[in-house]
């Protein structure tokens, strides 16, 4: 990959440059934040070889520079059409089908703008960039979360996984048909280790590290079906370079051996209030009333050594650790470093 390549992000909600433009987001796989940060900062290793800035959100379209790509992520987005959509529920209307449609519109309209010329033409990607870009996906855990919080049993959520993965594959094929050739696809993380699951499902069986085992089992089943789907996608899309990234293993290591990596209290939210997981009585950034007194729900003293930020998302420090691991290619199939992911092996 050279300086001419761009990164198009099509996946669930991530904080800051690769997802929601708000600080409070609801995707459970926030490692793309770290990827974005590392690609954008001049001191980061990937930047030395890629020289890429933060990506602009597709919906932030007024005078925005898209020459290095665009992101289509939103807070709380899913692969399938969610049942409980904001504002009546907690999930985004911009599920993956919609993000795919937005990408198609972006591709077409950006080239119309380039052809017309003028001040905005140089803010759009060149037409040949679309086949050279890296298309990254980090989505699926919200689909599981919606099931868990919709009074579905573990077995029912598990049974929904094949359909969720099939719909994901359909979108990858559709994007391939629009010219995409290089894909960087994350599996889902250990949802059963997150405080918002632990606090709400306290009777669930715990593993030796305190995570809710049945919920992690569903995540691992999702990952198994995703891996099968990627094997089939490689057969169906012969010109594609598809890198499958095992984010689950990296994230789980933060819960199984946090001290080895300089972290502590991995099951406890840094920014929250209530109970043994510091989650449930008030959200991060809120002001709550406890026994007649107002309490601002703020950060813990040392977020740099904590794994979980707000009960749902990982801290910046944890995300950087995750990025440092997965960018090497050691957790990828094929074992491709991020900077080589646009090459068909």
C-alpha atoms as a PDB file:
ATOM      1  CA  UNK A   1       0.000   0.000   0.000  1.00  0.00           C
ATOM      2  CA  UNK A   2       1.302   3.414  -0.926  1.00  0.00           C
ATOM      3  CA  UNK A   3       0.186   6.934  -0.229  1.00  0.00           C
ATOM      4  CA  UNK A   4      -2.438   6.733  -2.960  1.00  0.00           C
ATOM      5  CA  UNK A   5      -4.465   4.077  -1.169  1.00  0.00           C
ATOM      6  CA  UNK A   6      -7.395   5.028   1.007  1.00  0.00           C
ATOM      7  CA  UNK A   7      -9.291   3.331   3.808  1.00  0.00           C
ATOM      8  CA  UNK A   8     -13.055   2.998   3.550  1.00  0.00           C
ATOM      9  CA  UNK A   9     -14.634   1.929   6.814  1.00  0.00           C
ATOM     10  CA  UNK A  10     -17.947   0.122   6.698  1.00  0.00           C
ATOM     11  CA  UNK A  11     -18.811  -1.361  10.070  1.00  0.00           C
ATOM     12  CA  UNK A  12     -20.396  -0.720  13.390  1.00  0.00           C
ATOM     13  CA  UNK A  13     -20.027   2.267  15.617  1.00  0.00           C
ATOM     14  CA  UNK A  14     -16.602   3.274  16.833  1.00  0.00           C
ATOM     15  CA  UNK A  15     -15.517   6.272  18.842  1.00  0.00           C
ATOM     16  CA  UNK A  16     -14.161   9.390  17.151  1.00  0.00           C
ATOM     17  CA  UNK A  17     -12.583   9.198  13.713  1.00  0.00           C
ATOM     18  CA  UNK A  18     -13.887   5.806  12.715  1.00  0.00           C
ATOM     19  CA  UNK A  19     -17.384   5.909  13.975  1.00  0.00           C
ATOM     20  CA  UNK A  20     -19.798   7.995  15.859  1.00  0.00           C
ATOM     21  CA  UNK A  21     -19.137  11.715  16.039  1.00  0.00           C
ATOM     22  CA  UNK A  22     -20.380  11.573  19.608  1.00  0.00           C
ATOM     23  CA  UNK A  23     -18.311  10.484  22.571  1.00  0.00           C
ATOM     24  CA  UNK A  24     -20.869   7.999  23.825  1.00  0.00           C
ATOM     25  CA  UNK A  25     -21.148   5.115  21.378  1.00  0.00           C
ATOM     26  CA  UNK A  26     -22.502   1.604  21.645  1.00  0.00           C
ATOM     27  CA  UNK A  27     -20.385  -0.742  19.590  1.00  0.00           C
ATOM     28  CA  UNK A  28     -18.540  -3.324  21.612  1.00  0.00           C
ATOM     29  CA  UNK A  29     -15.562  -3.686  19.334  1.00  0.00           C
ATOM     30  CA  UNK A  30     -13.718  -0.418  19.572  1.00  0.00           C
ATOM     31  CA  UNK A  31     -10.298  -1.476  18.357  1.00  0.00           C
ATOM     32  CA  UNK A  32     -10.720   0.477  15.140  1.00  0.00           C
ATOM     33  CA  UNK A  33     -10.405   3.579  17.276  1.00  0.00           C
ATOM     34  CA  UNK A  34      -6.861   2.575  18.043  1.00  0.00           C
ATOM     35  CA  UNK A  35      -6.193   1.737  14.404  1.00  0.00           C
ATOM     36  CA  UNK A  36      -7.451   5.171  13.445  1.00  0.00           C
ATOM     37  CA  UNK A  37      -5.370   6.850  16.114  1.00  0.00           C
ATOM     38  CA  UNK A  38      -2.230   5.001  15.156  1.00  0.00           C
ATOM     39  CA  UNK A  39      -2.718   5.712  11.473  1.00  0.00           C
ATOM     40  CA  UNK A  40      -3.312   9.357  12.193  1.00  0.00           C
ATOM     41  CA  UNK A  41      -0.531  10.168  14.619  1.00  0.00           C
ATOM     42  CA  UNK A  42       2.850  10.967  13.162  1.00  0.00           C
ATOM     43  CA  UNK A  43       4.618   9.072  15.934  1.00  0.00           C
ATOM     44  CA  UNK A  44       2.826   5.812  15.215  1.00  0.00           C
ATOM     45  CA  UNK A  45       4.457   2.990  13.312  1.00  0.00           C
ATOM     46  CA  UNK A  46       1.731   2.585  10.629  1.00  0.00           C
ATOM     47  CA  UNK A  47       1.821   6.297   9.868  1.00  0.00           C
ATOM     48  CA  UNK A  48       5.466   6.105   8.880  1.00  0.00           C
ATOM     49  CA  UNK A  49       4.544   3.722   6.099  1.00  0.00           C
ATOM     50  CA  UNK A  50       1.008   4.936   5.278  1.00  0.00           C
ATOM     51  CA  UNK A  51       0.893   8.618   6.221  1.00  0.00           C
ATOM     52  CA  UNK A  52      -2.879   8.564   6.653  1.00  0.00           C
ATOM     53  CA  UNK A  53      -4.974  11.057   8.646  1.00  0.00           C
ATOM     54  CA  UNK A  54      -8.188  10.388  10.533  1.00  0.00           C
ATOM     55  CA  UNK A  55     -11.068   9.426   8.278  1.00  0.00           C
ATOM     56  CA  UNK A  56     -14.062  11.721   7.884  1.00  0.00           C
ATOM     57  CA  UNK A  57     -17.564  10.498   8.578  1.00  0.00           C
ATOM     58  CA  UNK A  58     -19.762  10.075   5.515  1.00  0.00           C
ATOM     59  CA  UNK A  59     -22.586  12.030   7.161  1.00  0.00           C
ATOM     60  CA  UNK A  60     -20.243  14.933   7.905  1.00  0.00           C
ATOM     61  CA  UNK A  61     -20.434  15.927   4.277  1.00  0.00           C
ATOM     62  CA  UNK A  62     -20.195  19.724   4.202  1.00  0.00           C
ATOM     63  CA  UNK A  63     -16.750  20.659   2.944  1.00  0.00           C
ATOM     64  CA  UNK A  64     -15.245  17.448   4.289  1.00  0.00           C
ATOM     65  CA  UNK A  65     -12.051  15.988   2.864  1.00  0.00           C
ATOM     66  CA  UNK A  66     -12.635  12.419   1.658  1.00  0.00           C
ATOM     67  CA  UNK A  67      -9.423  12.015  -0.308  1.00  0.00           C
ATOM     68  CA  UNK A  68      -8.142   9.402   2.156  1.00  0.00           C
ATOM     69  CA  UNK A  69     -11.449   7.585   2.527  1.00  0.00           C
ATOM     70  CA  UNK A  70     -14.627   7.754   4.530  1.00  0.00           C
ATOM     71  CA  UNK A  71     -16.298   5.986   7.408  1.00  0.00           C
ATOM     72  CA  UNK A  72     -19.886   4.857   7.485  1.00  0.00           C
ATOM     73  CA  UNK A  73     -20.088   3.787  11.109  1.00  0.00           C
ATOM     74  CA  UNK A  74     -22.726   4.941  13.557  1.00  0.00           C
ATOM     75  CA  UNK A  75     -23.308   4.387  17.231  1.00  0.00           C
ATOM     76  CA  UNK A  76     -25.168   1.190  18.119  1.00  0.00           C
ATOM     77  CA  UNK A  77     -25.348  -0.163  14.582  1.00  0.00           C
ATOM     78  CA  UNK A  78     -25.973  -3.787  13.733  1.00  0.00           C
ATOM     79  CA  UNK A  79     -25.718  -6.182  10.804  1.00  0.00           C
ATOM     80  CA  UNK A  80     -29.439  -6.935  10.731  1.00  0.00           C
ATOM     81  CA  UNK A  81     -32.289  -4.445  10.942  1.00  0.00           C
ATOM     82  CA  UNK A  82     -32.695  -3.957  14.696  1.00  0.00           C
ATOM     83  CA  UNK A  83     -36.037  -4.288  16.423  1.00  0.00           C
ATOM     84  CA  UNK A  84     -35.466  -1.525  18.955  1.00  0.00           C
ATOM     85  CA  UNK A  85     -34.393   1.553  16.995  1.00  0.00           C
ATOM     86  CA  UNK A  86     -33.409   4.921  18.458  1.00  0.00           C
ATOM     87  CA  UNK A  87     -35.228   6.849  19.933  1.00  0.00           C
ATOM     88  CA  UNK A  88     -37.643   4.145  21.088  1.00  0.00           C
ATOM     89  CA  UNK A  89     -34.837   1.650  21.541  1.00  0.00           C
ATOM     90  CA  UNK A  90     -31.095   1.636  21.822  1.00  0.00           C
ATOM     91  CA  UNK A  91     -29.968   0.718  18.310  1.00  0.00           C
ATOM     92  CA  UNK A  92     -29.098   2.734  15.234  1.00  0.00           C
ATOM     93  CA  UNK A  93     -31.278   2.841  12.119  1.00  0.00           C
ATOM     94  CA  UNK A  94     -28.023   2.802  10.124  1.00  0.00           C
ATOM     95  CA  UNK A  95     -27.570  -0.934  10.097  1.00  0.00           C
ATOM     96  CA  UNK A  96     -25.185  -2.577   7.642  1.00  0.00           C
ATOM     97  CA  UNK A  97     -27.559  -2.571   4.649  1.00  0.00           C
ATOM     98  CA  UNK A  98     -27.939   1.183   5.027  1.00  0.00           C
ATOM     99  CA  UNK A  99     -24.195   1.680   5.360  1.00  0.00           C
ATOM    100  CA  UNK A 100     -23.723  -0.289   2.153  1.00  0.00           C
ATOM    101  CA  UNK A 101     -26.277   1.922   0.391  1.00  0.00           C
ATOM    102  CA  UNK A 102     -24.486   5.010   1.660  1.00  0.00           C
ATOM    103  CA  UNK A 103     -21.211   3.691   0.319  1.00  0.00           C
ATOM    104  CA  UNK A 104     -22.768   3.153  -3.114  1.00  0.00           C
ATOM    105  CA  UNK A 105     -24.080   6.705  -3.080  1.00  0.00           C
ATOM    106  CA  UNK A 106     -20.731   8.028  -1.945  1.00  0.00           C
ATOM    107  CA  UNK A 107     -18.887   6.255  -4.719  1.00  0.00           C
ATOM    108  CA  UNK A 108     -21.208   7.571  -7.416  1.00  0.00           C
ATOM    109  CA  UNK A 109     -21.622  11.106  -6.129  1.00  0.00           C
ATOM    110  CA  UNK A 110     -17.965  11.647  -5.342  1.00  0.00           C
ATOM    111  CA  UNK A 111     -17.102  10.953  -8.969  1.00  0.00           C
ATOM    112  CA  UNK A 112     -19.827  13.279 -10.223  1.00  0.00           C
ATOM    113  CA  UNK A 113     -18.338  16.030  -8.057  1.00  0.00           C
ATOM    114  CA  UNK A 114     -14.846  15.306  -9.370  1.00  0.00           C
ATOM    115  CA  UNK A 115     -16.072  15.473 -12.964  1.00  0.00           C
ATOM    116  CA  UNK A 116     -17.789  18.811 -12.382  1.00  0.00           C
ATOM    117  CA  UNK A 117     -14.596  20.305 -10.991  1.00  0.00           C
ATOM    118  CA  UNK A 118     -14.519  23.298  -8.728  1.00  0.00           C
ATOM    119  CA  UNK A 119     -13.489  23.733  -5.127  1.00  0.00           C
ATOM    120  CA  UNK A 120     -14.957  20.420  -3.912  1.00  0.00           C
ATOM    121  CA  UNK A 121     -13.465  18.225  -6.614  1.00  0.00           C
ATOM    122  CA  UNK A 122     -10.135  17.920  -4.827  1.00  0.00           C
ATOM    123  CA  UNK A 123     -11.891  16.798  -1.649  1.00  0.00           C
ATOM    124  CA  UNK A 124     -13.127  13.596  -3.312  1.00  0.00           C
ATOM    125  CA  UNK A 125     -11.220  10.331  -3.897  1.00  0.00           C
ATOM    126  CA  UNK A 126     -10.097   9.464  -7.400  1.00  0.00           C
ATOM    127  CA  UNK A 127     -12.092   6.763  -9.141  1.00  0.00           C
ATOM    128  CA  UNK A 128      -9.283   4.203  -9.152  1.00  0.00           C
ATOM    129  CA  UNK A 129      -8.825   4.529  -5.379  1.00  0.00           C
ATOM    130  CA  UNK A 130     -11.927   2.444  -4.711  1.00  0.00           C
ATOM    131  CA  UNK A 131     -10.316  -0.752  -5.952  1.00  0.00           C
ATOM    132  CA  UNK A 132      -7.099   0.009  -4.026  1.00  0.00           C
ATOM    133  CA  UNK A 133      -8.700   0.888  -0.689  1.00  0.00           C
ATOM    134  CA  UNK A 134      -8.829  -1.248   2.437  1.00  0.00           C
ATOM    135  CA  UNK A 135     -12.398  -1.946   3.547  1.00  0.00           C
ATOM    136  CA  UNK A 136     -12.516  -2.633   7.266  1.00  0.00           C
ATOM    137  CA  UNK A 137     -15.380  -4.263   9.140  1.00  0.00           C
ATOM    138  CA  UNK A 138     -15.947  -4.401  12.874  1.00  0.00           C
ATOM    139  CA  UNK A 139     -19.549  -5.330  13.495  1.00  0.00           C
ATOM    140  CA  UNK A 140     -21.774  -8.053  14.928  1.00  0.00           C
ATOM    141  CA  UNK A 141     -21.546  -7.775  18.686  1.00  0.00           C
ATOM    142  CA  UNK A 142     -24.463  -5.347  18.825  1.00  0.00           C
ATOM    143  CA  UNK A 143     -26.595  -7.983  17.111  1.00  0.00           C
ATOM    144  CA  UNK A 144     -25.806 -10.364  19.954  1.00  0.00           C
ATOM    145  CA  UNK A 145     -26.347  -7.651  22.548  1.00  0.00           C
ATOM    146  CA  UNK A 146     -29.748  -6.781  21.134  1.00  0.00           C
ATOM    147  CA  UNK A 147     -30.773 -10.402  21.472  1.00  0.00           C
ATOM    148  CA  UNK A 148     -29.551 -10.663  25.054  1.00  0.00           C
ATOM    149  CA  UNK A 149     -31.469  -7.541  26.084  1.00  0.00           C
ATOM    150  CA  UNK A 150     -34.628  -8.470  24.160  1.00  0.00           C
ATOM    151  CA  UNK A 151     -35.489 -11.315  26.532  1.00  0.00           C
ATOM    152  CA  UNK A 152     -34.158 -13.930  24.141  1.00  0.00           C
ATOM    153  CA  UNK A 153     -32.597 -17.000  25.689  1.00  0.00           C
ATOM    154  CA  UNK A 154     -28.956 -17.855  25.105  1.00  0.00           C
ATOM    155  CA  UNK A 155     -30.139 -20.644  22.810  1.00  0.00           C
ATOM    156  CA  UNK A 156     -32.331 -18.273  20.804  1.00  0.00           C
ATOM    157  CA  UNK A 157     -29.520 -15.765  20.322  1.00  0.00           C
ATOM    158  CA  UNK A 158     -27.222 -18.608  19.292  1.00  0.00           C
ATOM    159  CA  UNK A 159     -29.800 -19.771  16.751  1.00  0.00           C
ATOM    160  CA  UNK A 160     -29.891 -16.287  15.211  1.00  0.00           C
ATOM    161  CA  UNK A 161     -26.158 -16.258  14.491  1.00  0.00           C
ATOM    162  CA  UNK A 162     -26.197 -18.041  11.095  1.00  0.00           C
ATOM    163  CA  UNK A 163     -28.665 -15.511   9.701  1.00  0.00           C
ATOM    164  CA  UNK A 164     -26.642 -12.606  11.106  1.00  0.00           C
ATOM    165  CA  UNK A 165     -23.470 -13.935   9.467  1.00  0.00           C
ATOM    166  CA  UNK A 166     -25.253 -14.641   6.172  1.00  0.00           C
ATOM    167  CA  UNK A 167     -26.415 -11.037   6.004  1.00  0.00           C
ATOM    168  CA  UNK A 168     -22.868  -9.904   6.704  1.00  0.00           C
ATOM    169  CA  UNK A 169     -21.570 -12.033   3.815  1.00  0.00           C
ATOM    170  CA  UNK A 170     -24.204 -10.595   1.498  1.00  0.00           C
ATOM    171  CA  UNK A 171     -22.973  -7.076   2.215  1.00  0.00           C
ATOM    172  CA  UNK A 172     -19.341  -8.025   1.659  1.00  0.00           C
ATOM    173  CA  UNK A 173     -20.316  -9.474  -1.729  1.00  0.00           C
ATOM    174  CA  UNK A 174     -22.290  -6.349  -2.594  1.00  0.00           C
ATOM    175  CA  UNK A 175     -19.348  -4.111  -1.734  1.00  0.00           C
ATOM    176  CA  UNK A 176     -17.041  -6.381  -3.748  1.00  0.00           C
ATOM    177  CA  UNK A 177     -19.395  -5.947  -6.700  1.00  0.00           C
ATOM    178  CA  UNK A 178     -18.905  -2.185  -6.387  1.00  0.00           C
ATOM    179  CA  UNK A 179     -15.176  -2.639  -6.854  1.00  0.00           C
ATOM    180  CA  UNK A 180     -13.802  -3.378  -3.379  1.00  0.00           C
ATOM    181  CA  UNK A 181     -10.932  -5.874  -3.381  1.00  0.00           C
ATOM    182  CA  UNK A 182      -9.155  -5.674   0.005  1.00  0.00           C
ATOM    183  CA  UNK A 183     -10.983  -6.481   3.230  1.00  0.00           C
ATOM    184  CA  UNK A 184      -9.866  -6.383   6.877  1.00  0.00           C
ATOM    185  CA  UNK A 185     -12.530  -8.172   8.959  1.00  0.00           C
ATOM    186  CA  UNK A 186     -12.550  -8.421  12.753  1.00  0.00           C
ATOM    187  CA  UNK A 187     -14.326 -11.155  14.634  1.00  0.00           C
ATOM    188  CA  UNK A 188     -16.273 -10.187  17.734  1.00  0.00           C
ATOM    189  CA  UNK A 189     -14.900  -9.812  21.246  1.00  0.00           C
ATOM    190  CA  UNK A 190     -15.616 -11.520  24.594  1.00  0.00           C
ATOM    191  CA  UNK A 191     -18.908  -9.821  25.317  1.00  0.00           C
ATOM    192  CA  UNK A 192     -19.273 -11.868  28.505  1.00  0.00           C
ATOM    193  CA  UNK A 193     -16.334 -10.008  30.055  1.00  0.00           C
ATOM    194  CA  UNK A 194     -17.931  -6.581  29.758  1.00  0.00           C
ATOM    195  CA  UNK A 195     -19.420  -4.944  32.865  1.00  0.00           C
ATOM    196  CA  UNK A 196     -22.746  -4.212  31.185  1.00  0.00           C
ATOM    197  CA  UNK A 197     -23.262  -7.939  30.657  1.00  0.00           C
ATOM    198  CA  UNK A 198     -21.852  -8.949  34.037  1.00  0.00           C
ATOM    199  CA  UNK A 199     -24.010  -6.443  35.915  1.00  0.00           C
ATOM    200  CA  UNK A 200     -27.220  -7.340  34.099  1.00  0.00           C
ATOM    201  CA  UNK A 201     -26.820 -11.122  34.070  1.00  0.00           C
ATOM    202  CA  UNK A 202     -25.332 -11.831  37.465  1.00  0.00           C
ATOM    203  CA  UNK A 203     -26.620 -15.405  37.650  1.00  0.00           C
ATOM    204  CA  UNK A 204     -24.716 -16.457  34.516  1.00  0.00           C
ATOM    205  CA  UNK A 205     -21.953 -19.000  35.021  1.00  0.00           C
ATOM    206  CA  UNK A 206     -18.549 -17.365  35.404  1.00  0.00           C
ATOM    207  CA  UNK A 207     -15.309 -18.683  33.980  1.00  0.00           C
ATOM    208  CA  UNK A 208     -12.051 -18.749  35.936  1.00  0.00           C
ATOM    209  CA  UNK A 209     -11.445 -15.061  35.141  1.00  0.00           C
ATOM    210  CA  UNK A 210     -14.888 -13.827  36.156  1.00  0.00           C
ATOM    211  CA  UNK A 211     -16.399 -13.511  32.681  1.00  0.00           C
ATOM    212  CA  UNK A 212     -19.925 -14.701  31.891  1.00  0.00           C
ATOM    213  CA  UNK A 213     -19.175 -17.961  30.085  1.00  0.00           C
ATOM    214  CA  UNK A 214     -22.516 -18.525  28.274  1.00  0.00           C
ATOM    215  CA  UNK A 215     -22.310 -15.081  26.678  1.00  0.00           C
ATOM    216  CA  UNK A 216     -18.735 -15.608  25.573  1.00  0.00           C
ATOM    217  CA  UNK A 217     -19.790 -18.966  24.152  1.00  0.00           C
ATOM    218  CA  UNK A 218     -22.268 -17.185  21.885  1.00  0.00           C
ATOM    219  CA  UNK A 219     -19.559 -14.758  20.779  1.00  0.00           C
ATOM    220  CA  UNK A 220     -17.261 -17.680  19.994  1.00  0.00           C
ATOM    221  CA  UNK A 221     -20.017 -19.381  18.006  1.00  0.00           C
ATOM    222  CA  UNK A 222     -20.481 -16.161  16.046  1.00  0.00           C
ATOM    223  CA  UNK A 223     -16.744 -16.144  15.365  1.00  0.00           C
ATOM    224  CA  UNK A 224     -16.829 -19.772  14.250  1.00  0.00           C
ATOM    225  CA  UNK A 225     -19.599 -19.066  11.743  1.00  0.00           C
ATOM    226  CA  UNK A 226     -17.846 -15.875  10.605  1.00  0.00           C
ATOM    227  CA  UNK A 227     -14.657 -17.806   9.940  1.00  0.00           C
ATOM    228  CA  UNK A 228     -16.609 -20.335   7.887  1.00  0.00           C
ATOM    229  CA  UNK A 229     -18.240 -17.495   5.968  1.00  0.00           C
ATOM    230  CA  UNK A 230     -14.879 -15.919   5.186  1.00  0.00           C
ATOM    231  CA  UNK A 231     -13.587 -19.222   3.833  1.00  0.00           C
ATOM    232  CA  UNK A 232     -16.579 -19.295   1.498  1.00  0.00           C
ATOM    233  CA  UNK A 233     -16.171 -15.620   0.570  1.00  0.00           C
ATOM    234  CA  UNK A 234     -12.615 -16.311  -0.564  1.00  0.00           C
ATOM    235  CA  UNK A 235     -14.004 -18.946  -2.920  1.00  0.00           C
ATOM    236  CA  UNK A 236     -16.833 -16.746  -4.152  1.00  0.00           C
ATOM    237  CA  UNK A 237     -14.697 -13.603  -4.545  1.00  0.00           C
ATOM    238  CA  UNK A 238     -11.491 -14.787  -6.236  1.00  0.00           C
ATOM    239  CA  UNK A 239     -10.034 -11.305  -6.729  1.00  0.00           C
ATOM    240  CA  UNK A 240     -10.443 -10.341  -3.094  1.00  0.00           C
ATOM    241  CA  UNK A 241      -7.732 -10.175  -0.431  1.00  0.00           C
ATOM    242  CA  UNK A 242      -9.578 -10.940   2.801  1.00  0.00           C
ATOM    243  CA  UNK A 243      -7.772 -10.682   6.132  1.00  0.00           C
ATOM    244  CA  UNK A 244      -9.630 -12.260   9.050  1.00  0.00           C
ATOM    245  CA  UNK A 245      -8.478 -10.792  12.381  1.00  0.00           C
ATOM    246  CA  UNK A 246      -8.897 -12.669  15.669  1.00  0.00           C
ATOM    247  CA  UNK A 247      -9.653  -9.740  17.932  1.00  0.00           C
ATOM    248  CA  UNK A 248     -11.383 -12.039  20.427  1.00  0.00           C
ATOM    249  CA  UNK A 249      -8.142 -13.708  21.514  1.00  0.00           C
ATOM    250  CA  UNK A 250      -6.335 -10.410  21.995  1.00  0.00           C
ATOM    251  CA  UNK A 251      -9.156  -8.873  23.987  1.00  0.00           C
ATOM    252  CA  UNK A 252      -9.630 -11.960  26.127  1.00  0.00           C
ATOM    253  CA  UNK A 253      -5.966 -11.855  27.111  1.00  0.00           C
ATOM    254  CA  UNK A 254      -6.671  -8.526  28.801  1.00  0.00           C
ATOM    255  CA  UNK A 255      -9.075 -10.350  31.130  1.00  0.00           C
ATOM    256  CA  UNK A 256      -7.111 -13.550  31.572  1.00  0.00           C
ATOM    257  CA  UNK A 257      -3.734 -11.963  32.347  1.00  0.00           C
ATOM    258  CA  UNK A 258      -4.127  -8.199  32.758  1.00  0.00           C
ATOM    259  CA  UNK A 259      -1.124  -7.731  35.066  1.00  0.00           C
ATOM    260  CA  UNK A 260       1.170  -9.202  32.426  1.00  0.00           C
ATOM    261  CA  UNK A 261       0.254  -6.282  30.162  1.00  0.00           C
ATOM    262  CA  UNK A 262       0.177  -3.574  32.815  1.00  0.00           C
ATOM    263  CA  UNK A 263      -3.580  -3.467  33.469  1.00  0.00           C
ATOM    264  CA  UNK A 264      -5.767  -3.989  36.525  1.00  0.00           C
ATOM    265  CA  UNK A 265      -9.445  -4.505  37.407  1.00  0.00           C
ATOM    266  CA  UNK A 266     -10.410  -5.565  33.868  1.00  0.00           C
ATOM    267  CA  UNK A 267     -14.018  -6.388  34.782  1.00  0.00           C
ATOM    268  CA  UNK A 268     -14.682  -3.015  36.423  1.00  0.00           C
ATOM    269  CA  UNK A 269     -15.711   0.063  34.424  1.00  0.00           C
ATOM    270  CA  UNK A 270     -13.397   3.041  34.791  1.00  0.00           C
ATOM    271  CA  UNK A 271     -16.159   5.578  34.199  1.00  0.00           C
ATOM    272  CA  UNK A 272     -19.368   4.462  35.853  1.00  0.00           C
ATOM    273  CA  UNK A 273     -21.209   4.056  39.130  1.00  0.00           C
ATOM    274  CA  UNK A 274     -22.780   1.209  41.030  1.00  0.00           C
ATOM    275  CA  UNK A 275     -22.043  -2.295  42.240  1.00  0.00           C
ATOM    276  CA  UNK A 276     -18.950  -4.438  41.998  1.00  0.00           C
ATOM    277  CA  UNK A 277     -18.564  -3.684  38.281  1.00  0.00           C
ATOM    278  CA  UNK A 278     -18.990   0.087  38.730  1.00  0.00           C
ATOM    279  CA  UNK A 279     -21.862  -0.044  36.275  1.00  0.00           C
ATOM    280  CA  UNK A 280     -25.625   0.298  36.352  1.00  0.00           C
ATOM    281  CA  UNK A 281     -26.525   3.219  38.613  1.00  0.00           C
ATOM    282  CA  UNK A 282     -25.372   5.962  36.279  1.00  0.00           C
ATOM    283  CA  UNK A 283     -23.750   6.303  32.878  1.00  0.00           C
ATOM    284  CA  UNK A 284     -20.370   7.871  32.250  1.00  0.00           C
ATOM    285  CA  UNK A 285     -20.683  11.661  32.131  1.00  0.00           C
ATOM    286  CA  UNK A 286     -24.090  11.755  33.809  1.00  0.00           C
ATOM    287  CA  UNK A 287     -25.075  13.467  37.039  1.00  0.00           C
ATOM    288  CA  UNK A 288     -27.078  11.161  39.289  1.00  0.00           C
ATOM    289  CA  UNK A 289     -28.779  11.525  42.644  1.00  0.00           C
ATOM    290  CA  UNK A 290     -27.770   9.099  45.402  1.00  0.00           C
ATOM    291  CA  UNK A 291     -29.386   9.434  48.838  1.00  0.00           C
ATOM    292  CA  UNK A 292     -30.345  13.000  48.047  1.00  0.00           C
ATOM    293  CA  UNK A 293     -26.897  14.022  46.863  1.00  0.00           C
ATOM    294  CA  UNK A 294     -25.890  14.750  43.303  1.00  0.00           C
ATOM    295  CA  UNK A 295     -22.911  12.803  42.038  1.00  0.00           C
ATOM    296  CA  UNK A 296     -21.104  13.346  38.763  1.00  0.00           C
ATOM    297  CA  UNK A 297     -20.155  10.035  37.145  1.00  0.00           C
ATOM    298  CA  UNK A 298     -16.592  10.593  36.026  1.00  0.00           C
ATOM    299  CA  UNK A 299     -13.413   8.756  35.209  1.00  0.00           C
ATOM    300  CA  UNK A 300     -11.339   6.618  37.517  1.00  0.00           C
ATOM    301  CA  UNK A 301      -7.983   8.008  38.574  1.00  0.00           C
ATOM    302  CA  UNK A 302      -5.782   5.979  36.223  1.00  0.00           C
ATOM    303  CA  UNK A 303      -7.601   5.055  32.984  1.00  0.00           C
ATOM    304  CA  UNK A 304      -4.222   4.267  31.431  1.00  0.00           C
ATOM    305  CA  UNK A 305      -4.081   1.011  33.388  1.00  0.00           C
ATOM    306  CA  UNK A 306      -7.731   0.052  33.041  1.00  0.00           C
ATOM    307  CA  UNK A 307      -9.288  -2.198  30.401  1.00  0.00           C
ATOM    308  CA  UNK A 308     -12.910  -1.110  30.340  1.00  0.00           C
ATOM    309  CA  UNK A 309     -13.996   2.505  30.006  1.00  0.00           C
ATOM    310  CA  UNK A 310     -17.759   2.808  30.517  1.00  0.00           C
ATOM    311  CA  UNK A 311     -19.033  -0.737  30.946  1.00  0.00           C
ATOM    312  CA  UNK A 312     -19.282  -1.293  27.217  1.00  0.00           C
ATOM    313  CA  UNK A 313     -16.190   0.104  25.518  1.00  0.00           C
ATOM    314  CA  UNK A 314     -12.498  -0.420  26.027  1.00  0.00           C
ATOM    315  CA  UNK A 315     -10.204   2.342  27.245  1.00  0.00           C
ATOM    316  CA  UNK A 316      -7.826   4.148  24.934  1.00  0.00           C
ATOM    317  CA  UNK A 317      -4.942   2.278  26.565  1.00  0.00           C
ATOM    318  CA  UNK A 318      -6.606  -1.088  25.978  1.00  0.00           C
ATOM    319  CA  UNK A 319      -7.410  -0.170  22.394  1.00  0.00           C
ATOM    320  CA  UNK A 320      -3.797   0.751  21.768  1.00  0.00           C
ATOM    321  CA  UNK A 321      -2.681  -2.580  23.202  1.00  0.00           C
ATOM    322  CA  UNK A 322      -5.142  -4.386  20.942  1.00  0.00           C
ATOM    323  CA  UNK A 323      -3.979  -2.447  17.912  1.00  0.00           C
ATOM    324  CA  UNK A 324      -0.329  -3.151  18.666  1.00  0.00           C
ATOM    325  CA  UNK A 325      -1.142  -6.863  18.695  1.00  0.00           C
ATOM    326  CA  UNK A 326      -3.385  -7.177  15.662  1.00  0.00           C
ATOM    327  CA  UNK A 327      -1.490  -4.792  13.364  1.00  0.00           C
ATOM    328  CA  UNK A 328       1.457  -7.205  13.279  1.00  0.00           C
ATOM    329  CA  UNK A 329      -0.510  -9.924  11.528  1.00  0.00           C
ATOM    330  CA  UNK A 330       0.128 -12.463  14.288  1.00  0.00           C
ATOM    331  CA  UNK A 331      -3.609 -12.763  14.921  1.00  0.00           C
ATOM    332  CA  UNK A 332      -4.652 -12.654  11.279  1.00  0.00           C
ATOM    333  CA  UNK A 333      -5.537 -15.251   8.686  1.00  0.00           C
ATOM    334  CA  UNK A 334      -3.531 -15.056   6.525  1.00  0.00           C
ATOM    335  CA  UNK A 335      -0.823 -13.652   8.855  1.00  0.00           C
ATOM    336  CA  UNK A 336      -0.827 -10.287   7.104  1.00  0.00           C
ATOM    337  CA  UNK A 337       0.315  -7.064   8.828  1.00  0.00           C
ATOM    338  CA  UNK A 338      -2.091  -4.177   8.490  1.00  0.00           C
ATOM    339  CA  UNK A 339       0.211  -2.297   6.121  1.00  0.00           C
ATOM    340  CA  UNK A 340       0.184  -5.283   3.735  1.00  0.00           C
ATOM    341  CA  UNK A 341      -3.561  -5.952   3.857  1.00  0.00           C
ATOM    342  CA  UNK A 342      -4.162  -4.542   0.373  1.00  0.00           C
ATOM    343  CA  UNK A 343      -2.046  -7.266  -1.234  1.00  0.00           C
ATOM    344  CA  UNK A 344      -3.784 -10.424  -2.421  1.00  0.00           C
ATOM    345  CA  UNK A 345      -1.826 -13.336  -0.947  1.00  0.00           C
END
